[in-house]
Structures are given as structure tokens and as C-alpha cells.
Amino acid sequence: MRHLVFSLGLIVATGSLVGCDALGIETATQINAKKEAEARAIGSACRYALRGIEDCFASNAKAGKAAVFEGWKEMDQYMRDNQLVGMPADGGAAKPAAPAEATGAPDAARTESSSSRS
């Protein structure tokens, strides 16, 4: 009797583990494959946006560098083979304006106080 209960429990446990794929539970290899594919896509997007590989690494620190570089190289070769010109990104390429003190320009408070004295 004990053997029958154990066998039945083992069959139920095995059946429930087989259903993990149907539930959308991913294995470690599936997760790693997705991360690598995403990093390659990041690399090729950086190349198409005319960004250097160093800038791409800096702005995507969590992505694997080897996969990012592989995607960048693949897109570079594709663009050369098909004579494509990249499209510079507008949002990420712009550098923030320097503060007024760093450029040597007078700040707004000094300008207002000097104009009110005149």
C-alpha cells in the first residue's frame, strides 16, 4: 500500500513539473538566451544610431559587453554590406548645458541686482 501511494505521488509530481513550460516558467538557459539576444540588439541599435561602442557600454552597464559588441559588429558589417547610413539618436546624444558659473557667464541673481541699482 505504501509503495502504491509513493508511486502515485511520484507520478503526480512528475506530471506537474512537465507542465512548467505550459505555465510560462523559464529555465536559466532560456533567461540567459533572452539576455544575450537583448544585449546584441542593444549593440546593433547603438551602431545604427552612430554611437561608439564605448558610449554603448557606458549607457548599458547591465548588458553583457561581449554580446553588445557582437551585435555592434554584426550591424556594422550589415550596414557596410548594404551601404546604409546610420541615424543619429536625438535624445541620448545631446549633452546637458553647462552651468553658468562654469562658463564664466554671470548668473541671473547678479544680473538682476545690478540692474535694479541703476
PDB file of N, CA and C in Angstrom:
ATOM      1  N   MET A   1       0.822  -1.186   0.000  1.00  0.00           N
ATOM      2  CA  MET A   1       0.000   0.000   0.000  1.00  0.00           C
ATOM      3  C   MET A   1       0.871   1.257   0.000  1.00  0.00           C
ATOM      4  N   ARG A   2       1.911   1.252   0.824  1.00  0.00           N
ATOM      5  CA  ARG A   2       2.802   2.401   0.881  1.00  0.00           C
ATOM      6  C   ARG A   2       3.491   2.634  -0.462  1.00  0.00           C
ATOM      7  N   HIS A   3       3.865   1.564  -1.089  1.00  0.00           N
ATOM      8  CA  HIS A   3       4.533   1.644  -2.375  1.00  0.00           C
ATOM      9  C   HIS A   3       3.602   2.254  -3.430  1.00  0.00           C
ATOM     10  N   LEU A   4       2.343   1.940  -3.395  1.00  0.00           N
ATOM     11  CA  LEU A   4       1.366   2.473  -4.326  1.00  0.00           C
ATOM     12  C   LEU A   4       1.178   3.977  -4.118  1.00  0.00           C
ATOM     13  N   VAL A   5       1.085   4.407  -2.873  1.00  0.00           N
ATOM     14  CA  VAL A   5       0.924   5.836  -2.566  1.00  0.00           C
ATOM     15  C   VAL A   5       2.165   6.614  -3.012  1.00  0.00           C
ATOM     16  N   PHE A   6       3.334   6.047  -2.753  1.00  0.00           N
ATOM     17  CA  PHE A   6       4.574   6.701  -3.166  1.00  0.00           C
ATOM     18  C   PHE A   6       4.651   6.826  -4.692  1.00  0.00           C
ATOM     19  N   SER A   7       4.297   5.769  -5.391  1.00  0.00           N
ATOM     20  CA  SER A   7       4.326   5.778  -6.853  1.00  0.00           C
ATOM     21  C   SER A   7       3.329   6.784  -7.417  1.00  0.00           C
ATOM     22  N   LEU A   8       2.151   6.835  -6.825  1.00  0.00           N
ATOM     23  CA  LEU A   8       1.136   7.784  -7.267  1.00  0.00           C
ATOM     24  C   LEU A   8       1.612   9.220  -7.036  1.00  0.00           C
ATOM     25  N   GLY A   9       2.224   9.472  -5.894  1.00  0.00           N
ATOM     26  CA  GLY A   9       2.763  10.803  -5.607  1.00  0.00           C
ATOM     27  C   GLY A   9       3.869  11.192  -6.564  1.00  0.00           C
ATOM     28  N   LEU A  10       4.709  10.227  -6.896  1.00  0.00           N
ATOM     29  CA  LEU A  10       5.797  10.476  -7.832  1.00  0.00           C
ATOM     30  C   LEU A  10       5.264  10.798  -9.225  1.00  0.00           C
ATOM     31  N   ILE A  11       4.236  10.129  -9.648  1.00  0.00           N
ATOM     32  CA  ILE A  11       3.625  10.378 -10.958  1.00  0.00           C
ATOM     33  C   ILE A  11       2.990  11.766 -10.992  1.00  0.00           C
ATOM     34  N   VAL A  12       2.305  12.144  -9.937  1.00  0.00           N
ATOM     35  CA  VAL A  12       1.676  13.470  -9.878  1.00  0.00           C
ATOM     36  C   VAL A  12       2.741  14.565  -9.890  1.00  0.00           C
ATOM     37  N   ALA A  13       3.825  14.383  -9.128  1.00  0.00           N
ATOM     38  CA  ALA A  13       4.900  15.382  -9.095  1.00  0.00           C
ATOM     39  C   ALA A  13       5.572  15.518 -10.450  1.00  0.00           C
ATOM     40  N   THR A  14       5.820  14.412 -11.111  1.00  0.00           N
ATOM     41  CA  THR A  14       6.443  14.450 -12.434  1.00  0.00           C
ATOM     42  C   THR A  14       5.527  15.129 -13.438  1.00  0.00           C
ATOM     43  N   GLY A  15       4.262  14.835 -13.372  1.00  0.00           N
ATOM     44  CA  GLY A  15       3.299  15.453 -14.278  1.00  0.00           C
ATOM     45  C   GLY A  15       3.195  16.948 -14.073  1.00  0.00           C
ATOM     46  N   SER A  16       3.284  17.396 -12.843  1.00  0.00           N
ATOM     47  CA  SER A  16       3.196  18.827 -12.592  1.00  0.00           C
ATOM     48  C   SER A  16       4.456  19.558 -13.054  1.00  0.00           C
ATOM     49  N   LEU A  17       5.612  18.890 -12.976  1.00  0.00           N
ATOM     50  CA  LEU A  17       6.846  19.518 -13.452  1.00  0.00           C
ATOM     51  C   LEU A  17       6.877  19.628 -14.969  1.00  0.00           C
ATOM     52  N   VAL A  18       6.297  18.679 -15.647  1.00  0.00           N
ATOM     53  CA  VAL A  18       6.235  18.730 -17.105  1.00  0.00           C
ATOM     54  C   VAL A  18       5.394  19.919 -17.551  1.00  0.00           C
ATOM     55  N   GLY A  19       4.406  20.291 -16.777  1.00  0.00           N
ATOM     56  CA  GLY A  19       3.522  21.404 -17.113  1.00  0.00           C
ATOM     57  C   GLY A  19       4.135  22.770 -16.892  1.00  0.00           C
ATOM     58  N   CYS A  20       5.371  22.865 -16.388  1.00  0.00           N
ATOM     59  CA  CYS A  20       6.001  24.165 -16.143  1.00  0.00           C
ATOM     60  C   CYS A  20       6.154  24.967 -17.427  1.00  0.00           C
ATOM     61  N   ASP A  21       6.463  24.301 -18.534  1.00  0.00           N
ATOM     62  CA  ASP A  21       6.591  25.022 -19.797  1.00  0.00           C
ATOM     63  C   ASP A  21       5.257  25.625 -20.211  1.00  0.00           C
ATOM     64  N   ALA A  22       4.184  24.940 -19.956  1.00  0.00           N
ATOM     65  CA  ALA A  22       2.865  25.449 -20.302  1.00  0.00           C
ATOM     66  C   ALA A  22       2.495  26.650 -19.438  1.00  0.00           C
ATOM     67  N   LEU A  23       3.055  26.728 -18.240  1.00  0.00           N
ATOM     68  CA  LEU A  23       2.764  27.837 -17.348  1.00  0.00           C
ATOM     69  C   LEU A  23       3.628  29.061 -17.636  1.00  0.00           C
ATOM     70  N   GLY A  24       4.616  28.923 -18.488  1.00  0.00           N
ATOM     71  CA  GLY A  24       5.477  30.050 -18.822  1.00  0.00           C
ATOM     72  C   GLY A  24       6.654  30.219 -17.886  1.00  0.00           C
ATOM     73  N   ILE A  25       6.972  29.204 -17.121  1.00  0.00           N
ATOM     74  CA  ILE A  25       8.125  29.264 -16.233  1.00  0.00           C
ATOM     75  C   ILE A  25       9.372  29.016 -17.071  1.00  0.00           C
ATOM     76  N   GLU A  26      10.325  29.959 -17.007  1.00  0.00           N
ATOM     77  CA  GLU A  26      11.516  29.856 -17.837  1.00  0.00           C
ATOM     78  C   GLU A  26      12.674  29.222 -17.086  1.00  0.00           C
ATOM     79  N   THR A  27      13.488  28.509 -17.822  1.00  0.00           N
ATOM     80  CA  THR A  27      14.683  27.922 -17.238  1.00  0.00           C
ATOM     81  C   THR A  27      15.819  28.938 -17.292  1.00  0.00           C
ATOM     82  N   ALA A  28      16.908  28.612 -16.632  1.00  0.00           N
ATOM     83  CA  ALA A  28      18.058  29.523 -16.610  1.00  0.00           C
ATOM     84  C   ALA A  28      18.649  29.702 -18.005  1.00  0.00           C
ATOM     85  N   THR A  29      18.658  28.653 -18.803  1.00  0.00           N
ATOM     86  CA  THR A  29      19.207  28.778 -20.157  1.00  0.00           C
ATOM     87  C   THR A  29      18.331  29.669 -21.033  1.00  0.00           C
ATOM     88  N   GLN A  30      17.018  29.592 -20.844  1.00  0.00           N
ATOM     89  CA  GLN A  30      16.120  30.461 -21.603  1.00  0.00           C
ATOM     90  C   GLN A  30      16.313  31.922 -21.204  1.00  0.00           C
ATOM     91  N   ILE A  31      16.487  32.165 -19.930  1.00  0.00           N
ATOM     92  CA  ILE A  31      16.692  33.530 -19.444  1.00  0.00           C
ATOM     93  C   ILE A  31      18.006  34.086 -19.981  1.00  0.00           C
ATOM     94  N   ASN A  32      19.067  33.275 -19.934  1.00  0.00           N
ATOM     95  CA  ASN A  32      20.363  33.722 -20.445  1.00  0.00           C
ATOM     96  C   ASN A  32      20.313  33.995 -21.946  1.00  0.00           C
ATOM     97  N   ALA A  33      19.586  33.169 -22.683  1.00  0.00           N
ATOM     98  CA  ALA A  33      19.462  33.380 -24.127  1.00  0.00           C
ATOM     99  C   ALA A  33      18.733  34.687 -24.423  1.00  0.00           C
ATOM    100  N   LYS A  34      17.710  34.999 -23.640  1.00  0.00           N
ATOM    101  CA  LYS A  34      16.991  36.253 -23.834  1.00  0.00           C
ATOM    102  C   LYS A  34      17.863  37.451 -23.503  1.00  0.00           C
ATOM    103  N   LYS A  35      18.647  37.354 -22.436  1.00  0.00           N
ATOM    104  CA  LYS A  35      19.541  38.450 -22.061  1.00  0.00           C
ATOM    105  C   LYS A  35      20.593  38.686 -23.134  1.00  0.00           C
ATOM    106  N   GLU A  36      21.130  37.609 -23.695  1.00  0.00           N
ATOM    107  CA  GLU A  36      22.129  37.746 -24.746  1.00  0.00           C
ATOM    108  C   GLU A  36      21.525  38.352 -26.001  1.00  0.00           C
ATOM    109  N   ALA A  37      20.331  37.930 -26.357  1.00  0.00           N
ATOM    110  CA  ALA A  37      19.671  38.488 -27.539  1.00  0.00           C
ATOM    111  C   ALA A  37      19.372  39.970 -27.343  1.00  0.00           C
ATOM    112  N   GLU A  38      18.975  40.346 -26.143  1.00  0.00           N
ATOM    113  CA  GLU A  38      18.697  41.749 -25.867  1.00  0.00           C
ATOM    114  C   GLU A  38      19.984  42.578 -25.931  1.00  0.00           C
ATOM    115  N   ALA A  39      21.071  42.048 -25.396  1.00  0.00           N
ATOM    116  CA  ALA A  39      22.344  42.765 -25.436  1.00  0.00           C
ATOM    117  C   ALA A  39      22.826  42.929 -26.880  1.00  0.00           C
ATOM    118  N   ARG A  40      22.631  41.919 -27.711  1.00  0.00           N
ATOM    119  CA  ARG A  40      23.015  42.025 -29.123  1.00  0.00           C
ATOM    120  C   ARG A  40      22.164  43.082 -29.821  1.00  0.00           C
ATOM    121  N   ALA A  41      20.888  43.136 -29.483  1.00  0.00           N
ATOM    122  CA  ALA A  41      20.006  44.155 -30.067  1.00  0.00           C
ATOM    123  C   ALA A  41      20.432  45.552 -29.631  1.00  0.00           C
ATOM    124  N   ILE A  42      20.857  45.675 -28.392  1.00  0.00           N
ATOM    125  CA  ILE A  42      21.346  46.971 -27.903  1.00  0.00           C
ATOM    126  C   ILE A  42      22.582  47.392 -28.692  1.00  0.00           C
ATOM    127  N   GLY A  43      23.493  46.466 -28.900  1.00  0.00           N
ATOM    128  CA  GLY A  43      24.702  46.765 -29.656  1.00  0.00           C
ATOM    129  C   GLY A  43      24.402  47.190 -31.081  1.00  0.00           C
ATOM    130  N   SER A  44      23.498  46.489 -31.745  1.00  0.00           N
ATOM    131  CA  SER A  44      23.200  46.873 -33.119  1.00  0.00           C
ATOM    132  C   SER A  44      22.438  48.186 -33.177  1.00  0.00           C
ATOM    133  N   ALA A  45      21.611  48.470 -32.188  1.00  0.00           N
ATOM    134  CA  ALA A  45      20.928  49.766 -32.153  1.00  0.00           C
ATOM    135  C   ALA A  45      21.922  50.903 -31.933  1.00  0.00           C
ATOM    136  N   CYS A  46      22.912  50.652 -31.099  1.00  0.00           N
ATOM    137  CA  CYS A  46      23.952  51.671 -30.883  1.00  0.00           C
ATOM    138  C   CYS A  46      24.709  51.949 -32.177  1.00  0.00           C
ATOM    139  N   ARG A  47      25.044  50.911 -32.918  1.00  0.00           N
ATOM    140  CA  ARG A  47      25.775  51.100 -34.173  1.00  0.00           C
ATOM    141  C   ARG A  47      24.936  51.850 -35.180  1.00  0.00           C
ATOM    142  N   TYR A  48      23.661  51.513 -35.270  1.00  0.00           N
ATOM    143  CA  TYR A  48      22.781  52.196 -36.218  1.00  0.00           C
ATOM    144  C   TYR A  48      22.596  53.658 -35.837  1.00  0.00           C
ATOM    145  N   ALA A  49      22.648  53.936 -34.534  1.00  0.00           N
ATOM    146  CA  ALA A  49      22.493  55.310 -34.050  1.00  0.00           C
ATOM    147  C   ALA A  49      23.811  56.083 -34.091  1.00  0.00           C
ATOM    148  N   LEU A  50      24.837  55.494 -34.711  1.00  0.00           N
ATOM    149  CA  LEU A  50      26.143  56.127 -34.867  1.00  0.00           C
ATOM    150  C   LEU A  50      26.822  56.412 -33.526  1.00  0.00           C
ATOM    151  N   ARG A  51      26.570  55.555 -32.548  1.00  0.00           N
ATOM    152  CA  ARG A  51      27.212  55.701 -31.244  1.00  0.00           C
ATOM    153  C   ARG A  51      28.406  54.771 -31.183  1.00  0.00           C
ATOM    154  N   GLY A  52      29.453  55.232 -30.537  1.00  0.00           N
ATOM    155  CA  GLY A  52      30.641  54.414 -30.368  1.00  0.00           C
ATOM    156  C   GLY A  52      30.379  53.282 -29.393  1.00  0.00           C
ATOM    157  N   ILE A  53      31.177  52.250 -29.488  1.00  0.00           N
ATOM    158  CA  ILE A  53      30.982  51.085 -28.627  1.00  0.00           C
ATOM    159  C   ILE A  53      31.212  51.444 -27.167  1.00  0.00           C
ATOM    160  N   GLU A  54      32.134  52.365 -26.888  1.00  0.00           N
ATOM    161  CA  GLU A  54      32.391  52.769 -25.512  1.00  0.00           C
ATOM    162  C   GLU A  54      31.178  53.485 -24.913  1.00  0.00           C
ATOM    163  N   ASP A  55      30.527  54.344 -25.702  1.00  0.00           N
ATOM    164  CA  ASP A  55      29.317  55.016 -25.242  1.00  0.00           C
ATOM    165  C   ASP A  55      28.201  54.012 -24.999  1.00  0.00           C
ATOM    166  N   CYS A  56      28.146  53.017 -25.852  1.00  0.00           N
ATOM    167  CA  CYS A  56      27.129  51.984 -25.714  1.00  0.00           C
ATOM    168  C   CYS A  56      27.331  51.189 -24.427  1.00  0.00           C
ATOM    169  N   PHE A  57      28.590  50.837 -24.137  1.00  0.00           N
ATOM    170  CA  PHE A  57      28.896  50.133 -22.892  1.00  0.00           C
ATOM    171  C   PHE A  57      28.531  50.988 -21.691  1.00  0.00           C
ATOM    172  N   ALA A  58      28.863  52.264 -21.743  1.00  0.00           N
ATOM    173  CA  ALA A  58      28.623  53.157 -20.608  1.00  0.00           C
ATOM    174  C   ALA A  58      27.134  53.352 -20.334  1.00  0.00           C
ATOM    175  N   SER A  59      26.340  53.453 -21.374  1.00  0.00           N
ATOM    176  CA  SER A  59      24.914  53.696 -21.172  1.00  0.00           C
ATOM    177  C   SER A  59      24.109  52.424 -20.924  1.00  0.00           C
ATOM    178  N   ASN A  60      24.714  51.262 -21.124  1.00  0.00           N
ATOM    179  CA  ASN A  60      24.035  49.980 -20.906  1.00  0.00           C
ATOM    180  C   ASN A  60      24.915  49.069 -20.070  1.00  0.00           C
ATOM    181  N   ALA A  61      25.188  49.502 -18.861  1.00  0.00           N
ATOM    182  CA  ALA A  61      26.135  48.793 -17.996  1.00  0.00           C
ATOM    183  C   ALA A  61      25.664  47.388 -17.623  1.00  0.00           C
ATOM    184  N   LYS A  62      24.362  47.159 -17.564  1.00  0.00           N
ATOM    185  CA  LYS A  62      23.853  45.845 -17.146  1.00  0.00           C
ATOM    186  C   LYS A  62      23.895  44.806 -18.266  1.00  0.00           C
ATOM    187  N   ALA A  63      23.998  45.258 -19.498  1.00  0.00           N
ATOM    188  CA  ALA A  63      24.039  44.326 -20.625  1.00  0.00           C
ATOM    189  C   ALA A  63      25.437  43.727 -20.732  1.00  0.00           C
ATOM    190  N   GLY A  64      25.524  42.487 -21.150  1.00  0.00           N
ATOM    191  CA  GLY A  64      26.810  41.812 -21.302  1.00  0.00           C
ATOM    192  C   GLY A  64      27.635  42.454 -22.406  1.00  0.00           C
ATOM    193  N   LYS A  65      28.859  42.827 -22.077  1.00  0.00           N
ATOM    194  CA  LYS A  65      29.701  43.547 -23.033  1.00  0.00           C
ATOM    195  C   LYS A  65      30.016  42.717 -24.270  1.00  0.00           C
ATOM    196  N   ALA A  66      30.249  41.440 -24.101  1.00  0.00           N
ATOM    197  CA  ALA A  66      30.585  40.596 -25.253  1.00  0.00           C
ATOM    198  C   ALA A  66      29.417  40.541 -26.239  1.00  0.00           C
ATOM    199  N   ALA A  67      28.207  40.391 -25.735  1.00  0.00           N
ATOM    200  CA  ALA A  67      27.043  40.313 -26.614  1.00  0.00           C
ATOM    201  C   ALA A  67      26.743  41.663 -27.249  1.00  0.00           C
ATOM    202  N   VAL A  68      26.925  42.751 -26.489  1.00  0.00           N
ATOM    203  CA  VAL A  68      26.722  44.092 -27.050  1.00  0.00           C
ATOM    204  C   VAL A  68      27.714  44.320 -28.195  1.00  0.00           C
ATOM    205  N   PHE A  69      28.963  43.968 -27.967  1.00  0.00           N
ATOM    206  CA  PHE A  69      29.982  44.146 -29.002  1.00  0.00           C
ATOM    207  C   PHE A  69      29.682  43.284 -30.221  1.00  0.00           C
ATOM    208  N   GLU A  70      29.222  42.072 -30.004  1.00  0.00           N
ATOM    209  CA  GLU A  70      28.882  41.183 -31.121  1.00  0.00           C
ATOM    210  C   GLU A  70      27.748  41.785 -31.957  1.00  0.00           C
ATOM    211  N   GLY A  71      26.731  42.316 -31.296  1.00  0.00           N
ATOM    212  CA  GLY A  71      25.640  42.963 -32.018  1.00  0.00           C
ATOM    213  C   GLY A  71      26.102  44.201 -32.764  1.00  0.00           C
ATOM    214  N   TRP A  72      27.004  44.963 -32.138  1.00  0.00           N
ATOM    215  CA  TRP A  72      27.544  46.168 -32.773  1.00  0.00           C
ATOM    216  C   TRP A  72      28.322  45.790 -34.040  1.00  0.00           C
ATOM    217  N   LYS A  73      29.154  44.743 -33.943  1.00  0.00           N
ATOM    218  CA  LYS A  73      29.943  44.297 -35.104  1.00  0.00           C
ATOM    219  C   LYS A  73      29.045  43.778 -36.221  1.00  0.00           C
ATOM    220  N   GLU A  74      28.017  43.003 -35.851  1.00  0.00           N
ATOM    221  CA  GLU A  74      27.105  42.470 -36.865  1.00  0.00           C
ATOM    222  C   GLU A  74      26.402  43.594 -37.616  1.00  0.00           C
ATOM    223  N   MET A  75      25.934  44.603 -36.873  1.00  0.00           N
ATOM    224  CA  MET A  75      25.246  45.718 -37.523  1.00  0.00           C
ATOM    225  C   MET A  75      26.219  46.527 -38.367  1.00  0.00           C
ATOM    226  N   ASP A  76      27.448  46.680 -37.915  1.00  0.00           N
ATOM    227  CA  ASP A  76      28.453  47.396 -38.690  1.00  0.00           C
ATOM    228  C   ASP A  76      28.677  46.705 -40.028  1.00  0.00           C
ATOM    229  N   GLN A  77      28.823  45.391 -39.993  1.00  0.00           N
ATOM    230  CA  GLN A  77      29.035  44.640 -41.235  1.00  0.00           C
ATOM    231  C   GLN A  77      27.810  44.722 -42.139  1.00  0.00           C
ATOM    232  N   TYR A  78      26.627  44.627 -41.559  1.00  0.00           N
ATOM    233  CA  TYR A  78      25.387  44.714 -42.338  1.00  0.00           C
ATOM    234  C   TYR A  78      25.266  46.074 -43.013  1.00  0.00           C
ATOM    235  N   MET A  79      25.601  47.128 -42.256  1.00  0.00           N
ATOM    236  CA  MET A  79      25.500  48.476 -42.815  1.00  0.00           C
ATOM    237  C   MET A  79      26.525  48.689 -43.923  1.00  0.00           C
ATOM    238  N   ARG A  80      27.713  48.130 -43.764  1.00  0.00           N
ATOM    239  CA  ARG A  80      28.734  48.249 -44.809  1.00  0.00           C
ATOM    240  C   ARG A  80      28.326  47.465 -46.059  1.00  0.00           C
ATOM    241  N   ASP A  81      27.819  46.249 -45.866  1.00  0.00           N
ATOM    242  CA  ASP A  81      27.414  45.415 -46.999  1.00  0.00           C
ATOM    243  C   ASP A  81      26.277  46.034 -47.805  1.00  0.00           C
ATOM    244  N   ASN A  82      25.349  46.682 -47.122  1.00  0.00           N
ATOM    245  CA  ASN A  82      24.170  47.239 -47.779  1.00  0.00           C
ATOM    246  C   ASN A  82      24.253  48.749 -47.987  1.00  0.00           C
ATOM    247  N   GLN A  83      25.425  49.314 -47.727  1.00  0.00           N
ATOM    248  CA  GLN A  83      25.678  50.742 -47.905  1.00  0.00           C
ATOM    249  C   GLN A  83      24.618  51.606 -47.218  1.00  0.00           C
ATOM    250  N   LEU A  84      24.353  51.290 -45.960  1.00  0.00           N
ATOM    251  CA  LEU A  84      23.386  52.039 -45.173  1.00  0.00           C
ATOM    252  C   LEU A  84      24.086  53.124 -44.364  1.00  0.00           C
ATOM    253  N   VAL A  85      23.397  54.214 -44.189  1.00  0.00           N
ATOM    254  CA  VAL A  85      23.905  55.298 -43.352  1.00  0.00           C
ATOM    255  C   VAL A  85      23.103  55.261 -42.060  1.00  0.00           C
ATOM    256  N   GLY A  86      23.776  55.398 -40.955  1.00  0.00           N
ATOM    257  CA  GLY A  86      23.098  55.344 -39.665  1.00  0.00           C
ATOM    258  C   GLY A  86      22.237  56.564 -39.407  1.00  0.00           C
ATOM    259  N   MET A  87      21.410  56.446 -38.392  1.00  0.00           N
ATOM    260  CA  MET A  87      20.503  57.511 -37.999  1.00  0.00           C
ATOM    261  C   MET A  87      20.889  57.947 -36.594  1.00  0.00           C
ATOM    262  N   PRO A  88      21.449  59.146 -36.424  1.00  0.00           N
ATOM    263  CA  PRO A  88      21.855  59.556 -35.081  1.00  0.00           C
ATOM    264  C   PRO A  88      20.644  59.700 -34.158  1.00  0.00           C
ATOM    265  N   ALA A  89      20.835  59.287 -32.918  1.00  0.00           N
ATOM    266  CA  ALA A  89      19.764  59.396 -31.923  1.00  0.00           C
ATOM    267  C   ALA A  89      19.700  60.833 -31.421  1.00  0.00           C
ATOM    268  N   ASP A  90      18.495  61.379 -31.289  1.00  0.00           N
ATOM    269  CA  ASP A  90      18.342  62.752 -30.825  1.00  0.00           C
ATOM    270  C   ASP A  90      18.398  62.860 -29.309  1.00  0.00           C
ATOM    271  N   GLY A  91      17.708  61.966 -28.621  1.00  0.00           N
ATOM    272  CA  GLY A  91      17.562  62.088 -27.173  1.00  0.00           C
ATOM    273  C   GLY A  91      18.823  61.836 -26.378  1.00  0.00           C
ATOM    274  N   GLY A  92      19.535  60.755 -26.643  1.00  0.00           N
ATOM    275  CA  GLY A  92      20.660  60.372 -25.815  1.00  0.00           C
ATOM    276  C   GLY A  92      21.955  61.075 -26.164  1.00  0.00           C
ATOM    277  N   ALA A  93      22.080  61.621 -27.385  1.00  0.00           N
ATOM    278  CA  ALA A  93      23.342  62.192 -27.814  1.00  0.00           C
ATOM    279  C   ALA A  93      23.548  63.620 -27.321  1.00  0.00           C
ATOM    280  N   ALA A  94      22.467  64.327 -26.996  1.00  0.00           N
ATOM    281  CA  ALA A  94      22.594  65.713 -26.571  1.00  0.00           C
ATOM    282  C   ALA A  94      23.226  65.793 -25.190  1.00  0.00           C
ATOM    283  N   LYS A  95      24.174  66.698 -25.039  1.00  0.00           N
ATOM    284  CA  LYS A  95      24.831  66.867 -23.750  1.00  0.00           C
ATOM    285  C   LYS A  95      24.136  67.979 -22.991  1.00  0.00           C
ATOM    286  N   PRO A  96      24.041  67.858 -21.676  1.00  0.00           N
ATOM    287  CA  PRO A  96      23.380  68.906 -20.908  1.00  0.00           C
ATOM    288  C   PRO A  96      24.179  70.200 -20.961  1.00  0.00           C
ATOM    289  N   ALA A  97      23.468  71.324 -20.844  1.00  0.00           N
ATOM    290  CA  ALA A  97      24.117  72.631 -20.867  1.00  0.00           C
ATOM    291  C   ALA A  97      24.974  72.812 -19.629  1.00  0.00           C
ATOM    292  N   ALA A  98      26.090  73.484 -19.789  1.00  0.00           N
ATOM    293  CA  ALA A  98      26.997  73.715 -18.660  1.00  0.00           C
ATOM    294  C   ALA A  98      26.411  74.765 -17.737  1.00  0.00           C
ATOM    295  N   PRO A  99      26.652  74.662 -16.438  1.00  0.00           N
ATOM    296  CA  PRO A  99      26.160  75.677 -15.513  1.00  0.00           C
ATOM    297  C   PRO A  99      26.781  77.036 -15.824  1.00  0.00           C
ATOM    298  N   ALA A 100      26.099  78.107 -15.426  1.00  0.00           N
ATOM    299  CA  ALA A 100      26.542  79.463 -15.728  1.00  0.00           C
ATOM    300  C   ALA A 100      27.902  79.763 -15.105  1.00  0.00           C
ATOM    301  N   GLU A 101      28.166  79.262 -13.895  1.00  0.00           N
ATOM    302  CA  GLU A 101      29.441  79.542 -13.238  1.00  0.00           C
ATOM    303  C   GLU A 101      30.601  78.896 -13.988  1.00  0.00           C
ATOM    304  N   ALA A 102      30.369  77.713 -14.565  1.00  0.00           N
ATOM    305  CA  ALA A 102      31.441  77.008 -15.253  1.00  0.00           C
ATOM    306  C   ALA A 102      31.824  77.710 -16.557  1.00  0.00           C
ATOM    307  N   THR A 103      30.878  78.386 -17.191  1.00  0.00           N
ATOM    308  CA  THR A 103      31.164  79.064 -18.455  1.00  0.00           C
ATOM    309  C   THR A 103      31.670  80.476 -18.252  1.00  0.00           C
ATOM    310  N   GLY A 104      31.578  80.992 -17.040  1.00  0.00           N
ATOM    311  CA  GLY A 104      32.051  82.333 -16.773  1.00  0.00           C
ATOM    312  C   GLY A 104      30.991  83.388 -16.986  1.00  0.00           C
ATOM    313  N   ALA A 105      29.791  83.002 -17.376  1.00  0.00           N
ATOM    314  CA  ALA A 105      28.710  83.958 -17.576  1.00  0.00           C
ATOM    315  C   ALA A 105      28.126  84.340 -16.229  1.00  0.00           C
ATOM    316  N   PRO A 106      27.680  85.590 -16.068  1.00  0.00           N
ATOM    317  CA  PRO A 106      27.079  85.995 -14.796  1.00  0.00           C
ATOM    318  C   PRO A 106      25.758  85.277 -14.589  1.00  0.00           C
ATOM    319  N   ASP A 107      25.461  84.914 -13.350  1.00  0.00           N
ATOM    320  CA  ASP A 107      24.192  84.234 -13.103  1.00  0.00           C
ATOM    321  C   ASP A 107      23.062  85.246 -13.010  1.00  0.00           C
ATOM    322  N   ALA A 108      21.839  84.758 -12.994  1.00  0.00           N
ATOM    323  CA  ALA A 108      20.657  85.620 -13.052  1.00  0.00           C
ATOM    324  C   ALA A 108      20.543  86.513 -11.822  1.00  0.00           C
ATOM    325  N   ALA A 109      20.926  86.050 -10.655  1.00  0.00           N
ATOM    326  CA  ALA A 109      20.796  86.843  -9.432  1.00  0.00           C
ATOM    327  C   ALA A 109      21.695  88.072  -9.488  1.00  0.00           C
ATOM    328  N   ARG A 110      22.922  87.924  -9.953  1.00  0.00           N
ATOM    329  CA  ARG A 110      23.818  89.072 -10.042  1.00  0.00           C
ATOM    330  C   ARG A 110      23.336  90.057 -11.093  1.00  0.00           C
ATOM    331  N   THR A 111      22.798  89.574 -12.186  1.00  0.00           N
ATOM    332  CA  THR A 111      22.315  90.449 -13.244  1.00  0.00           C
ATOM    333  C   THR A 111      21.131  91.267 -12.760  1.00  0.00           C
ATOM    334  N   GLU A 112      20.192  90.638 -12.033  1.00  0.00           N
ATOM    335  CA  GLU A 112      19.027  91.351 -11.538  1.00  0.00           C
ATOM    336  C   GLU A 112      19.412  92.403 -10.500  1.00  0.00           C
ATOM    337  N   SER A 113      20.316  92.065  -9.587  1.00  0.00           N
ATOM    338  CA  SER A 113      20.690  93.012  -8.542  1.00  0.00           C
ATOM    339  C   SER A 113      21.460  94.190  -9.114  1.00  0.00           C
ATOM    340  N   SER A 114      22.259  93.976 -10.120  1.00  0.00           N
ATOM    341  CA  SER A 114      22.990  95.098 -10.708  1.00  0.00           C
ATOM    342  C   SER A 114      22.082  95.969 -11.542  1.00  0.00           C
ATOM    343  N   SER A 115      21.053  95.427 -12.189  1.00  0.00           N
ATOM    344  CA  SER A 115      20.155  96.213 -12.994  1.00  0.00           C
ATOM    345  C   SER A 115      19.176  97.004 -12.136  1.00  0.00           C
ATOM    346  N   SER A 116      18.869  96.529 -10.925  1.00  0.00           N
ATOM    347  CA  SER A 116      17.944  97.246 -10.053  1.00  0.00           C
ATOM    348  C   SER A 116      18.654  98.423  -9.370  1.00  0.00           C
ATOM    349  N   ARG A 117      19.970  98.405  -9.271  1.00  0.00           N
ATOM    350  CA  ARG A 117      20.710  99.511  -8.664  1.00  0.00           C
ATOM    351  C   ARG A 117      20.814 100.706  -9.616  1.00  0.00           C
ATOM    352  N   SER A 118      20.766 100.486 -10.886  1.00  0.00           N
ATOM    353  CA  SER A 118      20.973 101.575 -11.848  1.00  0.00           C
ATOM    354  C   SER A 118      19.841 102.529 -11.899  1.00  0.00           C
TER     355      SER A 118
END
